Amino acid sequence: MNVLLALLAGLVFGTGLIVSGMFNPAKVLGFLDLAGRWDPSLAVVMVTAIPVAAIAFLIAGRRGRTLLGGALRLPTARDVDAPLVLGSLVFGAGWGLAGLCPAPGLLLLGAGRVEGVWFVAAMLVGMGVHAIVERWRHPVSTVRQS
């Protein structure tokens, strides 16, 4: 049942990306181009998505359990630290260069578009680099317990 709900949620989200045009890198880059022909449509998507998400989080926080009765794990971190700022900068730079973030990139990959292939490949490389850096920053103890 969880897999079916995840599939349904992904289909709804992907459909929203298609209907809003946010899978199109040119549309996103048009929003980020403040000096050229600025396209405000991404701002409209964001402004309408924020209250919907806020209401969903409010309801979820009061419920305490998922719709299927599982444990609800909402984010609790409130700290703004160096990894958050650095990650945000890297995400923003990638978004500004490619006009894509992960969901539209996966959508384009699924559609067989070359931009999706390149984007997802670069995303996987970035995730690998992150994993290597994190292992280097926080090595697992190799001391064996008797």
N, C-alpha and C. Protein backbone atom coordinates (compact mmCIF):
# COMPACT_ATOMS: atom_id res chain seq x y z
N MET A 1 0.82 -1.20 0.00
CA MET A 1 0.00 0.00 0.00
C MET A 1 0.86 1.26 0.00
N ASN A 2 1.95 1.26 0.80
CA ASN A 2 2.83 2.43 0.84
C ASN A 2 3.43 2.72 -0.53
N VAL A 3 3.79 1.67 -1.26
CA VAL A 3 4.39 1.85 -2.58
C VAL A 3 3.37 2.47 -3.53
N LEU A 4 2.13 2.03 -3.45
CA LEU A 4 1.09 2.60 -4.32
C LEU A 4 0.83 4.07 -4.00
N LEU A 5 0.81 4.40 -2.71
CA LEU A 5 0.62 5.81 -2.34
C LEU A 5 1.81 6.66 -2.78
N ALA A 6 3.01 6.11 -2.66
CA ALA A 6 4.20 6.84 -3.12
C ALA A 6 4.14 7.05 -4.63
N LEU A 7 3.71 6.03 -5.35
CA LEU A 7 3.57 6.15 -6.79
C LEU A 7 2.52 7.20 -7.15
N LEU A 8 1.40 7.18 -6.46
CA LEU A 8 0.34 8.17 -6.71
C LEU A 8 0.83 9.59 -6.41
N ALA A 9 1.54 9.75 -5.29
CA ALA A 9 2.07 11.07 -4.95
C ALA A 9 3.06 11.55 -6.01
N GLY A 10 3.91 10.64 -6.49
CA GLY A 10 4.86 11.00 -7.54
C GLY A 10 4.17 11.38 -8.83
N LEU A 11 3.11 10.64 -9.17
CA LEU A 11 2.35 10.97 -10.38
C LEU A 11 1.67 12.33 -10.27
N VAL A 12 1.12 12.63 -9.10
CA VAL A 12 0.48 13.93 -8.90
C VAL A 12 1.52 15.05 -8.98
N PHE A 13 2.67 14.84 -8.34
CA PHE A 13 3.72 15.84 -8.35
C PHE A 13 4.26 16.04 -9.78
N GLY A 14 4.53 14.94 -10.48
CA GLY A 14 5.02 15.03 -11.85
C GLY A 14 4.02 15.71 -12.77
N THR A 15 2.74 15.40 -12.57
CA THR A 15 1.70 16.06 -13.36
C THR A 15 1.68 17.55 -13.08
N GLY A 16 1.86 17.93 -11.82
CA GLY A 16 1.92 19.35 -11.47
C GLY A 16 3.10 20.04 -12.15
N LEU A 17 4.24 19.36 -12.21
CA LEU A 17 5.40 19.93 -12.89
C LEU A 17 5.12 20.14 -14.37
N ILE A 18 4.45 19.15 -14.97
CA ILE A 18 4.15 19.26 -16.40
C ILE A 18 3.14 20.37 -16.66
N VAL A 19 2.05 20.39 -15.88
CA VAL A 19 1.00 21.39 -16.08
C VAL A 19 1.54 22.81 -15.87
N SER A 20 2.40 22.98 -14.86
CA SER A 20 2.93 24.31 -14.58
C SER A 20 4.09 24.69 -15.51
N GLY A 21 4.62 23.72 -16.24
CA GLY A 21 5.74 23.99 -17.14
C GLY A 21 7.09 24.01 -16.44
N MET A 22 7.13 23.62 -15.17
CA MET A 22 8.37 23.72 -14.41
C MET A 22 9.39 22.63 -14.73
N PHE A 23 9.03 21.70 -15.62
CA PHE A 23 10.00 20.72 -16.09
C PHE A 23 10.87 21.30 -17.19
N ASN A 24 10.49 22.46 -17.71
CA ASN A 24 11.17 23.10 -18.82
C ASN A 24 12.28 24.01 -18.29
N PRO A 25 13.55 23.66 -18.52
CA PRO A 25 14.65 24.49 -18.00
C PRO A 25 14.56 25.94 -18.45
N ALA A 26 14.07 26.21 -19.65
CA ALA A 26 13.98 27.59 -20.15
C ALA A 26 13.02 28.41 -19.29
N LYS A 27 11.96 27.79 -18.80
CA LYS A 27 10.98 28.49 -17.97
C LYS A 27 11.62 28.90 -16.63
N VAL A 28 12.37 27.97 -16.03
CA VAL A 28 13.04 28.27 -14.76
C VAL A 28 14.12 29.32 -14.97
N LEU A 29 14.90 29.17 -16.02
CA LEU A 29 15.95 30.17 -16.30
C LEU A 29 15.35 31.53 -16.60
N GLY A 30 14.16 31.55 -17.20
CA GLY A 30 13.46 32.82 -17.44
C GLY A 30 13.07 33.50 -16.14
N PHE A 31 12.74 32.71 -15.12
CA PHE A 31 12.43 33.28 -13.81
C PHE A 31 13.69 33.86 -13.16
N LEU A 32 14.81 33.20 -13.36
CA LEU A 32 16.06 33.64 -12.74
C LEU A 32 16.72 34.78 -13.50
N ASP A 33 16.26 35.07 -14.71
CA ASP A 33 16.85 36.12 -15.54
C ASP A 33 16.19 37.46 -15.22
N LEU A 34 16.65 38.10 -14.17
CA LEU A 34 16.06 39.37 -13.73
C LEU A 34 16.41 40.52 -14.67
N ALA A 35 17.52 40.41 -15.38
CA ALA A 35 17.95 41.49 -16.26
C ALA A 35 17.38 41.37 -17.67
N GLY A 36 16.84 40.21 -18.00
CA GLY A 36 16.30 40.00 -19.35
C GLY A 36 14.79 39.95 -19.34
N ARG A 37 14.24 38.98 -20.06
CA ARG A 37 12.78 38.81 -20.13
C ARG A 37 12.34 37.94 -18.96
N TRP A 38 12.08 38.55 -17.84
CA TRP A 38 11.74 37.84 -16.61
C TRP A 38 10.39 37.15 -16.76
N ASP A 39 10.33 35.87 -16.34
CA ASP A 39 9.10 35.08 -16.39
C ASP A 39 8.65 34.82 -14.95
N PRO A 40 7.56 35.45 -14.49
CA PRO A 40 7.14 35.32 -13.09
C PRO A 40 6.38 34.03 -12.77
N SER A 41 6.21 33.13 -13.73
CA SER A 41 5.36 31.96 -13.48
C SER A 41 5.87 31.07 -12.36
N LEU A 42 7.19 30.95 -12.18
CA LEU A 42 7.70 30.15 -11.07
C LEU A 42 7.34 30.79 -9.74
N ALA A 43 7.34 32.09 -9.68
CA ALA A 43 6.93 32.78 -8.45
C ALA A 43 5.48 32.45 -8.11
N VAL A 44 4.63 32.38 -9.13
CA VAL A 44 3.22 32.03 -8.91
C VAL A 44 3.12 30.61 -8.36
N VAL A 45 3.89 29.69 -8.92
CA VAL A 45 3.89 28.31 -8.43
C VAL A 45 4.33 28.28 -6.97
N MET A 46 5.40 28.98 -6.65
CA MET A 46 5.91 28.99 -5.27
C MET A 46 4.90 29.62 -4.30
N VAL A 47 4.32 30.74 -4.69
CA VAL A 47 3.39 31.45 -3.81
C VAL A 47 2.14 30.60 -3.55
N THR A 48 1.72 29.82 -4.51
CA THR A 48 0.55 28.96 -4.28
C THR A 48 0.92 27.67 -3.56
N ALA A 49 2.16 27.19 -3.73
CA ALA A 49 2.58 25.95 -3.08
C ALA A 49 2.84 26.14 -1.58
N ILE A 50 3.33 27.30 -1.19
CA ILE A 50 3.69 27.52 0.22
C ILE A 50 2.49 27.39 1.15
N PRO A 51 1.35 28.03 0.90
CA PRO A 51 0.22 27.84 1.81
C PRO A 51 -0.32 26.41 1.80
N VAL A 52 -0.30 25.76 0.66
CA VAL A 52 -0.76 24.36 0.61
C VAL A 52 0.13 23.50 1.49
N ALA A 53 1.44 23.66 1.37
CA ALA A 53 2.37 22.88 2.19
C ALA A 53 2.23 23.24 3.66
N ALA A 54 2.05 24.52 3.97
CA ALA A 54 1.90 24.94 5.37
C ALA A 54 0.67 24.29 6.00
N ILE A 55 -0.42 24.25 5.28
CA ILE A 55 -1.64 23.61 5.80
C ILE A 55 -1.40 22.12 5.99
N ALA A 56 -0.74 21.48 5.03
CA ALA A 56 -0.46 20.05 5.14
C ALA A 56 0.42 19.75 6.35
N PHE A 57 1.45 20.56 6.58
CA PHE A 57 2.33 20.36 7.75
C PHE A 57 1.57 20.61 9.04
N LEU A 58 0.70 21.60 9.06
CA LEU A 58 -0.10 21.88 10.24
C LEU A 58 -1.00 20.68 10.59
N ILE A 59 -1.68 20.17 9.60
CA ILE A 59 -2.55 19.01 9.82
C ILE A 59 -1.72 17.79 10.24
N ALA A 60 -0.61 17.56 9.56
CA ALA A 60 0.24 16.41 9.88
C ALA A 60 0.77 16.51 11.30
N GLY A 61 1.17 17.70 11.72
CA GLY A 61 1.70 17.87 13.07
C GLY A 61 0.66 17.59 14.15
N ARG A 62 -0.57 17.87 13.86
CA ARG A 62 -1.64 17.60 14.83
C ARG A 62 -2.03 16.14 14.85
N ARG A 63 -1.90 15.45 13.72
CA ARG A 63 -2.28 14.04 13.65
C ARG A 63 -1.31 13.16 14.42
N GLY A 64 -0.01 13.37 14.19
CA GLY A 64 0.99 12.57 14.87
C GLY A 64 1.26 11.23 14.20
N ARG A 65 0.42 10.80 13.27
CA ARG A 65 0.61 9.54 12.56
C ARG A 65 0.30 9.77 11.07
N THR A 66 0.85 8.91 10.24
CA THR A 66 0.57 9.01 8.81
C THR A 66 -0.84 8.53 8.53
N LEU A 67 -1.32 8.74 7.32
CA LEU A 67 -2.67 8.29 6.95
C LEU A 67 -2.80 6.77 7.05
N LEU A 68 -1.70 6.04 6.90
CA LEU A 68 -1.73 4.59 7.01
C LEU A 68 -1.40 4.10 8.42
N GLY A 69 -1.26 5.05 9.36
CA GLY A 69 -1.03 4.68 10.76
C GLY A 69 0.43 4.54 11.16
N GLY A 70 1.34 4.81 10.26
CA GLY A 70 2.76 4.71 10.59
C GLY A 70 3.24 5.91 11.39
N ALA A 71 4.45 5.79 11.92
CA ALA A 71 5.05 6.88 12.68
C ALA A 71 5.31 8.07 11.76
N LEU A 72 4.98 9.25 12.24
CA LEU A 72 5.17 10.48 11.46
C LEU A 72 6.46 11.13 11.91
N ARG A 73 7.38 11.32 10.97
CA ARG A 73 8.68 11.92 11.30
C ARG A 73 8.82 13.24 10.56
N LEU A 74 8.41 14.31 11.19
CA LEU A 74 8.54 15.64 10.61
C LEU A 74 9.90 16.21 10.97
N PRO A 75 10.46 17.07 10.12
CA PRO A 75 11.76 17.68 10.44
C PRO A 75 11.69 18.50 11.72
N THR A 76 12.74 18.41 12.51
CA THR A 76 12.80 19.17 13.76
C THR A 76 13.97 20.16 13.78
N ALA A 77 14.93 20.00 12.90
CA ALA A 77 16.11 20.87 12.89
C ALA A 77 15.72 22.29 12.55
N ARG A 78 16.26 23.23 13.29
CA ARG A 78 15.99 24.64 13.04
C ARG A 78 17.29 25.45 12.89
N ASP A 79 18.42 24.77 13.01
CA ASP A 79 19.71 25.45 12.95
C ASP A 79 20.07 25.82 11.51
N VAL A 80 20.64 27.00 11.34
CA VAL A 80 21.23 27.39 10.07
C VAL A 80 22.73 27.28 10.27
N ASP A 81 23.31 26.23 9.71
CA ASP A 81 24.74 25.98 9.90
C ASP A 81 25.46 25.99 8.56
N ALA A 82 26.77 25.82 8.61
CA ALA A 82 27.59 25.89 7.40
C ALA A 82 27.17 24.85 6.35
N PRO A 83 26.95 23.58 6.72
CA PRO A 83 26.53 22.63 5.69
C PRO A 83 25.21 23.02 5.01
N LEU A 84 24.27 23.57 5.75
CA LEU A 84 23.00 24.00 5.17
C LEU A 84 23.22 25.15 4.19
N VAL A 85 24.01 26.14 4.59
CA VAL A 85 24.27 27.29 3.73
C VAL A 85 25.05 26.86 2.48
N LEU A 86 26.09 26.04 2.67
CA LEU A 86 26.89 25.58 1.53
C LEU A 86 26.03 24.73 0.58
N GLY A 87 25.24 23.83 1.14
CA GLY A 87 24.36 23.01 0.31
C GLY A 87 23.36 23.85 -0.46
N SER A 88 22.82 24.88 0.18
CA SER A 88 21.88 25.77 -0.49
C SER A 88 22.55 26.52 -1.63
N LEU A 89 23.77 26.97 -1.41
CA LEU A 89 24.51 27.68 -2.46
C LEU A 89 24.81 26.76 -3.65
N VAL A 90 25.22 25.53 -3.36
CA VAL A 90 25.51 24.58 -4.44
C VAL A 90 24.23 24.25 -5.20
N PHE A 91 23.14 24.01 -4.47
CA PHE A 91 21.86 23.73 -5.11
C PHE A 91 21.43 24.90 -5.99
N GLY A 92 21.51 26.11 -5.46
CA GLY A 92 21.10 27.29 -6.21
C GLY A 92 21.96 27.52 -7.44
N ALA A 93 23.26 27.28 -7.31
CA ALA A 93 24.16 27.45 -8.46
C ALA A 93 23.82 26.43 -9.54
N GLY A 94 23.60 25.19 -9.14
CA GLY A 94 23.24 24.16 -10.11
C GLY A 94 21.90 24.44 -10.77
N TRP A 95 20.95 24.91 -9.96
CA TRP A 95 19.61 25.24 -10.47
C TRP A 95 19.71 26.38 -11.48
N GLY A 96 20.53 27.38 -11.15
CA GLY A 96 20.69 28.53 -12.04
C GLY A 96 21.42 28.19 -13.32
N LEU A 97 22.37 27.26 -13.25
CA LEU A 97 23.12 26.87 -14.45
C LEU A 97 22.30 25.95 -15.36
N ALA A 98 21.59 25.00 -14.75
CA ALA A 98 20.88 23.99 -15.54
C ALA A 98 19.41 24.32 -15.75
N GLY A 99 18.83 25.11 -14.86
CA GLY A 99 17.40 25.36 -14.93
C GLY A 99 16.59 24.17 -14.46
N LEU A 100 17.25 23.24 -13.76
CA LEU A 100 16.60 22.03 -13.28
C LEU A 100 16.95 21.79 -11.82
N CYS A 101 16.02 21.16 -11.12
CA CYS A 101 16.29 20.59 -9.81
C CYS A 101 15.94 19.11 -9.92
N PRO A 102 16.11 18.32 -8.87
CA PRO A 102 15.99 16.86 -9.02
C PRO A 102 14.69 16.36 -9.65
N ALA A 103 13.54 16.81 -9.21
CA ALA A 103 12.29 16.25 -9.74
C ALA A 103 12.12 16.50 -11.25
N PRO A 104 12.28 17.73 -11.73
CA PRO A 104 12.19 17.93 -13.18
C PRO A 104 13.29 17.19 -13.94
N GLY A 105 14.46 17.06 -13.34
CA GLY A 105 15.54 16.31 -13.98
C GLY A 105 15.15 14.85 -14.17
N LEU A 106 14.55 14.27 -13.14
CA LEU A 106 14.10 12.88 -13.25
C LEU A 106 12.95 12.75 -14.25
N LEU A 107 12.09 13.75 -14.28
CA LEU A 107 10.99 13.75 -15.25
C LEU A 107 11.54 13.77 -16.68
N LEU A 108 12.53 14.60 -16.93
CA LEU A 108 13.13 14.66 -18.27
C LEU A 108 13.88 13.37 -18.59
N LEU A 109 14.52 12.77 -17.58
CA LEU A 109 15.20 11.49 -17.79
C LEU A 109 14.18 10.43 -18.20
N GLY A 110 13.06 10.39 -17.48
CA GLY A 110 12.01 9.43 -17.81
C GLY A 110 11.42 9.66 -19.19
N ALA A 111 11.45 10.90 -19.64
CA ALA A 111 10.95 11.22 -20.98
C ALA A 111 11.99 10.95 -22.06
N GLY A 112 13.19 10.53 -21.63
CA GLY A 112 14.25 10.22 -22.59
C GLY A 112 14.95 11.44 -23.16
N ARG A 113 14.82 12.58 -22.50
CA ARG A 113 15.46 13.81 -22.98
C ARG A 113 16.93 13.85 -22.53
N VAL A 114 17.80 14.28 -23.40
CA VAL A 114 19.23 14.29 -23.11
C VAL A 114 19.56 15.19 -21.92
N GLU A 115 18.81 16.30 -21.75
CA GLU A 115 19.07 17.18 -20.60
C GLU A 115 18.87 16.42 -19.29
N GLY A 116 17.88 15.56 -19.26
CA GLY A 116 17.62 14.76 -18.06
C GLY A 116 18.75 13.78 -17.79
N VAL A 117 19.28 13.17 -18.85
CA VAL A 117 20.38 12.22 -18.69
C VAL A 117 21.59 12.93 -18.09
N TRP A 118 21.96 14.07 -18.68
CA TRP A 118 23.12 14.81 -18.18
C TRP A 118 22.90 15.31 -16.76
N PHE A 119 21.70 15.84 -16.51
CA PHE A 119 21.43 16.37 -15.18
C PHE A 119 21.49 15.28 -14.12
N VAL A 120 20.83 14.17 -14.36
CA VAL A 120 20.80 13.09 -13.36
C VAL A 120 22.20 12.51 -13.19
N ALA A 121 22.97 12.39 -14.26
CA ALA A 121 24.35 11.91 -14.12
C ALA A 121 25.16 12.86 -13.24
N ALA A 122 25.03 14.17 -13.47
CA ALA A 122 25.75 15.15 -12.65
C ALA A 122 25.26 15.11 -11.21
N MET A 123 23.96 14.92 -11.02
CA MET A 123 23.41 14.84 -9.67
C MET A 123 23.97 13.63 -8.93
N LEU A 124 24.05 12.50 -9.61
CA LEU A 124 24.60 11.29 -8.98
C LEU A 124 26.07 11.46 -8.63
N VAL A 125 26.83 12.13 -9.50
CA VAL A 125 28.23 12.41 -9.19
C VAL A 125 28.32 13.30 -7.95
N GLY A 126 27.48 14.34 -7.91
CA GLY A 126 27.47 15.23 -6.74
C GLY A 126 27.11 14.49 -5.46
N MET A 127 26.14 13.57 -5.54
CA MET A 127 25.76 12.79 -4.36
C MET A 127 26.91 11.89 -3.93
N GLY A 128 27.65 11.34 -4.90
CA GLY A 128 28.81 10.51 -4.57
C GLY A 128 29.90 11.31 -3.90
N VAL A 129 30.17 12.50 -4.43
CA VAL A 129 31.18 13.38 -3.82
C VAL A 129 30.77 13.74 -2.39
N HIS A 130 29.50 14.04 -2.20
CA HIS A 130 29.00 14.36 -0.86
C HIS A 130 29.22 13.18 0.09
N ALA A 131 28.91 11.97 -0.36
CA ALA A 131 29.08 10.79 0.49
C ALA A 131 30.55 10.60 0.86
N ILE A 132 31.45 10.82 -0.09
CA ILE A 132 32.89 10.68 0.18
C ILE A 132 33.34 11.72 1.19
N VAL A 133 32.91 12.97 1.00
CA VAL A 133 33.30 14.05 1.92
C VAL A 133 32.75 13.77 3.32
N GLU A 134 31.52 13.31 3.42
CA GLU A 134 30.93 13.02 4.73
C GLU A 134 31.66 11.86 5.42
N ARG A 135 32.05 10.83 4.65
CA ARG A 135 32.83 9.74 5.25
C ARG A 135 34.17 10.24 5.73
N TRP A 136 34.76 11.17 5.02
CA TRP A 136 36.04 11.73 5.41
C TRP A 136 35.87 12.61 6.66
N ARG A 137 34.78 13.39 6.71
CA ARG A 137 34.53 14.26 7.86
C ARG A 137 34.15 13.50 9.11
N HIS A 138 33.42 12.40 8.95
CA HIS A 138 32.92 11.62 10.08
C HIS A 138 33.27 10.14 9.88
N PRO A 139 34.56 9.79 10.05
CA PRO A 139 34.95 8.39 9.82
C PRO A 139 34.29 7.47 10.86
N VAL A 140 33.93 6.27 10.40
CA VAL A 140 33.38 5.27 11.30
C VAL A 140 34.52 4.64 12.06
N SER A 141 34.33 4.46 13.35
CA SER A 141 35.38 3.87 14.17
C SER A 141 35.68 2.46 13.69
N THR A 142 36.96 2.14 13.57
CA THR A 142 37.35 0.80 13.14
C THR A 142 37.77 -0.06 14.32
N VAL A 143 37.59 0.42 15.54
CA VAL A 143 37.95 -0.33 16.73
C VAL A 143 36.91 -1.43 16.92
N ARG A 144 37.40 -2.69 17.06
CA ARG A 144 36.50 -3.82 17.25
C ARG A 144 36.28 -4.08 18.72
N GLN A 145 35.07 -4.40 19.04
CA GLN A 145 34.72 -4.73 20.42
C GLN A 145 34.91 -6.22 20.62
N SER A 146 35.49 -6.62 21.76
CA SER A 146 35.69 -8.04 22.04
C SER A 146 34.51 -8.64 22.74
